[in-house]
Amino acid sequence: MFLKLPVQHITTNIHNTVFILNTVILIIALIVVELVYAETPKKDREHLKYFAPLFLVIIGLLIYAAYKQAGVAS
Protein backbone atom coordinates (compact mmCIF):
# COMPACT_ATOMS: atom_id res chain seq x y z
CA MET A 1 0.00 0.00 0.00
CA PHE A 2 0.93 3.61 -0.26
CA LEU A 3 0.80 4.25 3.47
CA LYS A 4 1.65 1.75 6.18
CA LEU A 5 0.97 2.62 9.80
CA PRO A 6 1.76 0.39 12.79
CA VAL A 7 -1.84 0.46 14.05
CA GLN A 8 -4.15 -1.64 11.87
CA HIS A 9 -7.51 0.02 12.64
CA ILE A 10 -6.10 3.46 11.81
CA THR A 11 -4.70 2.15 8.54
CA THR A 12 -8.04 0.59 7.57
CA ASN A 13 -9.86 3.82 8.34
CA ILE A 14 -7.35 5.83 6.29
CA HIS A 15 -7.66 3.43 3.35
CA ASN A 16 -11.44 3.64 3.40
CA THR A 17 -11.34 7.42 3.63
CA VAL A 18 -8.86 7.76 0.78
CA PHE A 19 -10.88 5.36 -1.36
CA ILE A 20 -13.97 7.52 -0.89
CA LEU A 21 -11.98 10.70 -1.56
CA ASN A 22 -10.53 9.24 -4.79
CA THR A 23 -14.03 8.45 -5.98
CA VAL A 24 -15.34 11.90 -5.07
CA ILE A 25 -12.39 13.63 -6.77
CA LEU A 26 -12.90 11.64 -9.97
CA ILE A 27 -16.63 12.40 -10.03
CA ILE A 28 -16.08 16.11 -9.40
CA ALA A 29 -13.40 16.28 -12.10
CA LEU A 30 -15.71 14.62 -14.62
CA ILE A 31 -18.57 16.98 -13.77
CA VAL A 32 -16.34 20.08 -14.00
CA VAL A 33 -14.91 19.02 -17.36
CA GLU A 34 -18.40 18.29 -18.65
CA LEU A 35 -19.77 21.65 -17.49
CA VAL A 36 -16.82 23.62 -18.85
CA TYR A 37 -16.42 21.96 -22.23
CA ALA A 38 -19.87 20.62 -23.13
CA GLU A 39 -21.13 23.73 -24.86
CA THR A 40 -17.88 25.03 -26.33
CA PRO A 41 -17.35 24.67 -30.05
CA LYS A 42 -15.00 21.96 -31.27
CA LYS A 43 -12.52 24.55 -32.53
CA ASP A 44 -12.16 25.99 -29.02
CA ARG A 45 -11.48 22.51 -27.59
CA GLU A 46 -8.56 21.65 -29.89
CA HIS A 47 -5.97 22.49 -27.24
CA LEU A 48 -7.25 19.64 -25.03
CA LYS A 49 -5.54 17.02 -27.20
CA TYR A 50 -2.20 18.13 -25.75
CA PHE A 51 -3.41 17.21 -22.25
CA ALA A 52 -4.49 13.66 -23.20
CA PRO A 53 -1.33 11.97 -21.81
CA LEU A 54 -1.73 13.84 -18.52
CA PHE A 55 -5.39 12.85 -18.27
CA LEU A 56 -4.51 9.22 -18.96
CA VAL A 57 -1.82 9.20 -16.27
CA ILE A 58 -4.11 10.79 -13.67
CA ILE A 59 -6.98 8.41 -14.47
CA GLY A 60 -4.56 5.48 -14.40
CA LEU A 61 -3.27 6.51 -10.97
CA LEU A 62 -6.80 6.86 -9.60
CA ILE A 63 -7.75 3.43 -10.95
CA TYR A 64 -4.57 1.88 -9.55
CA ALA A 65 -5.17 3.46 -6.13
CA ALA A 66 -8.78 2.24 -6.09
CA TYR A 67 -7.66 -1.26 -7.11
CA LYS A 68 -4.98 -1.43 -4.39
CA GLN A 69 -7.32 -0.07 -1.73
CA ALA A 70 -10.19 -2.34 -2.69
CA GLY A 71 -7.82 -5.29 -2.43
CA VAL A 72 -7.00 -4.35 1.16
CA ALA A 73 -10.61 -3.68 2.12
CA SER A 74 -11.93 -7.03 0.87
C-alpha atoms as a PDB file:
ATOM      1  CA  MET A   1       0.000   0.000   0.000  1.00  0.00           C
ATOM      2  CA  PHE A   2       0.931   3.613  -0.257  1.00  0.00           C
ATOM      3  CA  LEU A   3       0.800   4.247   3.467  1.00  0.00           C
ATOM      4  CA  LYS A   4       1.646   1.748   6.184  1.00  0.00           C
ATOM      5  CA  LEU A   5       0.973   2.615   9.799  1.00  0.00           C
ATOM      6  CA  PRO A   6       1.756   0.393  12.793  1.00  0.00           C
ATOM      7  CA  VAL A   7      -1.841   0.464  14.055  1.00  0.00           C
ATOM      8  CA  GLN A   8      -4.152  -1.645  11.873  1.00  0.00           C
ATOM      9  CA  HIS A   9      -7.505   0.018  12.640  1.00  0.00           C
ATOM     10  CA  ILE A  10      -6.097   3.460  11.813  1.00  0.00           C
ATOM     11  CA  THR A  11      -4.704   2.145   8.537  1.00  0.00           C
ATOM     12  CA  THR A  12      -8.037   0.592   7.575  1.00  0.00           C
ATOM     13  CA  ASN A  13      -9.859   3.824   8.338  1.00  0.00           C
ATOM     14  CA  ILE A  14      -7.354   5.830   6.289  1.00  0.00           C
ATOM     15  CA  HIS A  15      -7.660   3.434   3.354  1.00  0.00           C
ATOM     16  CA  ASN A  16     -11.442   3.639   3.404  1.00  0.00           C
ATOM     17  CA  THR A  17     -11.345   7.425   3.634  1.00  0.00           C
ATOM     18  CA  VAL A  18      -8.863   7.765   0.783  1.00  0.00           C
ATOM     19  CA  PHE A  19     -10.876   5.365  -1.359  1.00  0.00           C
ATOM     20  CA  ILE A  20     -13.968   7.519  -0.888  1.00  0.00           C
ATOM     21  CA  LEU A  21     -11.978  10.701  -1.561  1.00  0.00           C
ATOM     22  CA  ASN A  22     -10.535   9.243  -4.786  1.00  0.00           C
ATOM     23  CA  THR A  23     -14.029   8.448  -5.977  1.00  0.00           C
ATOM     24  CA  VAL A  24     -15.337  11.899  -5.074  1.00  0.00           C
ATOM     25  CA  ILE A  25     -12.389  13.626  -6.775  1.00  0.00           C
ATOM     26  CA  LEU A  26     -12.899  11.637  -9.970  1.00  0.00           C
ATOM     27  CA  ILE A  27     -16.634  12.399 -10.030  1.00  0.00           C
ATOM     28  CA  ILE A  28     -16.079  16.113  -9.395  1.00  0.00           C
ATOM     29  CA  ALA A  29     -13.402  16.276 -12.099  1.00  0.00           C
ATOM     30  CA  LEU A  30     -15.705  14.624 -14.619  1.00  0.00           C
ATOM     31  CA  ILE A  31     -18.566  16.984 -13.766  1.00  0.00           C
ATOM     32  CA  VAL A  32     -16.345  20.079 -14.002  1.00  0.00           C
ATOM     33  CA  VAL A  33     -14.913  19.021 -17.357  1.00  0.00           C
ATOM     34  CA  GLU A  34     -18.395  18.285 -18.652  1.00  0.00           C
ATOM     35  CA  LEU A  35     -19.771  21.652 -17.494  1.00  0.00           C
ATOM     36  CA  VAL A  36     -16.819  23.622 -18.851  1.00  0.00           C
ATOM     37  CA  TYR A  37     -16.418  21.964 -22.233  1.00  0.00           C
ATOM     38  CA  ALA A  38     -19.871  20.620 -23.131  1.00  0.00           C
ATOM     39  CA  GLU A  39     -21.134  23.730 -24.860  1.00  0.00           C
ATOM     40  CA  THR A  40     -17.883  25.035 -26.328  1.00  0.00           C
ATOM     41  CA  PRO A  41     -17.353  24.674 -30.054  1.00  0.00           C
ATOM     42  CA  LYS A  42     -15.000  21.957 -31.271  1.00  0.00           C
ATOM     43  CA  LYS A  43     -12.518  24.554 -32.530  1.00  0.00           C
ATOM     44  CA  ASP A  44     -12.163  25.989 -29.015  1.00  0.00           C
ATOM     45  CA  ARG A  45     -11.482  22.513 -27.595  1.00  0.00           C
ATOM     46  CA  GLU A  46      -8.560  21.651 -29.889  1.00  0.00           C
ATOM     47  CA  HIS A  47      -5.965  22.492 -27.241  1.00  0.00           C
ATOM     48  CA  LEU A  48      -7.254  19.640 -25.034  1.00  0.00           C
ATOM     49  CA  LYS A  49      -5.542  17.018 -27.199  1.00  0.00           C
ATOM     50  CA  TYR A  50      -2.200  18.131 -25.748  1.00  0.00           C
ATOM     51  CA  PHE A  51      -3.406  17.206 -22.251  1.00  0.00           C
ATOM     52  CA  ALA A  52      -4.494  13.658 -23.199  1.00  0.00           C
ATOM     53  CA  PRO A  53      -1.332  11.968 -21.813  1.00  0.00           C
ATOM     54  CA  LEU A  54      -1.730  13.842 -18.520  1.00  0.00           C
ATOM     55  CA  PHE A  55      -5.386  12.851 -18.275  1.00  0.00           C
ATOM     56  CA  LEU A  56      -4.509   9.221 -18.963  1.00  0.00           C
ATOM     57  CA  VAL A  57      -1.817   9.197 -16.267  1.00  0.00           C
ATOM     58  CA  ILE A  58      -4.114  10.789 -13.673  1.00  0.00           C
ATOM     59  CA  ILE A  59      -6.979   8.412 -14.474  1.00  0.00           C
ATOM     60  CA  GLY A  60      -4.559   5.476 -14.399  1.00  0.00           C
ATOM     61  CA  LEU A  61      -3.275   6.506 -10.969  1.00  0.00           C
ATOM     62  CA  LEU A  62      -6.798   6.858  -9.602  1.00  0.00           C
ATOM     63  CA  ILE A  63      -7.754   3.432 -10.949  1.00  0.00           C
ATOM     64  CA  TYR A  64      -4.573   1.881  -9.553  1.00  0.00           C
ATOM     65  CA  ALA A  65      -5.168   3.456  -6.129  1.00  0.00           C
ATOM     66  CA  ALA A  66      -8.775   2.243  -6.093  1.00  0.00           C
ATOM     67  CA  TYR A  67      -7.663  -1.257  -7.111  1.00  0.00           C
ATOM     68  CA  LYS A  68      -4.984  -1.432  -4.392  1.00  0.00           C
ATOM     69  CA  GLN A  69      -7.321  -0.074  -1.727  1.00  0.00           C
ATOM     70  CA  ALA A  70     -10.190  -2.336  -2.690  1.00  0.00           C
ATOM     71  CA  GLY A  71      -7.817  -5.294  -2.428  1.00  0.00           C
ATOM     72  CA  VAL A  72      -6.999  -4.348   1.156  1.00  0.00           C
ATOM     73  CA  ALA A  73     -10.606  -3.684   2.123  1.00  0.00           C
ATOM     74  CA  SER A  74     -11.928  -7.027   0.866  1.00  0.00           C
END
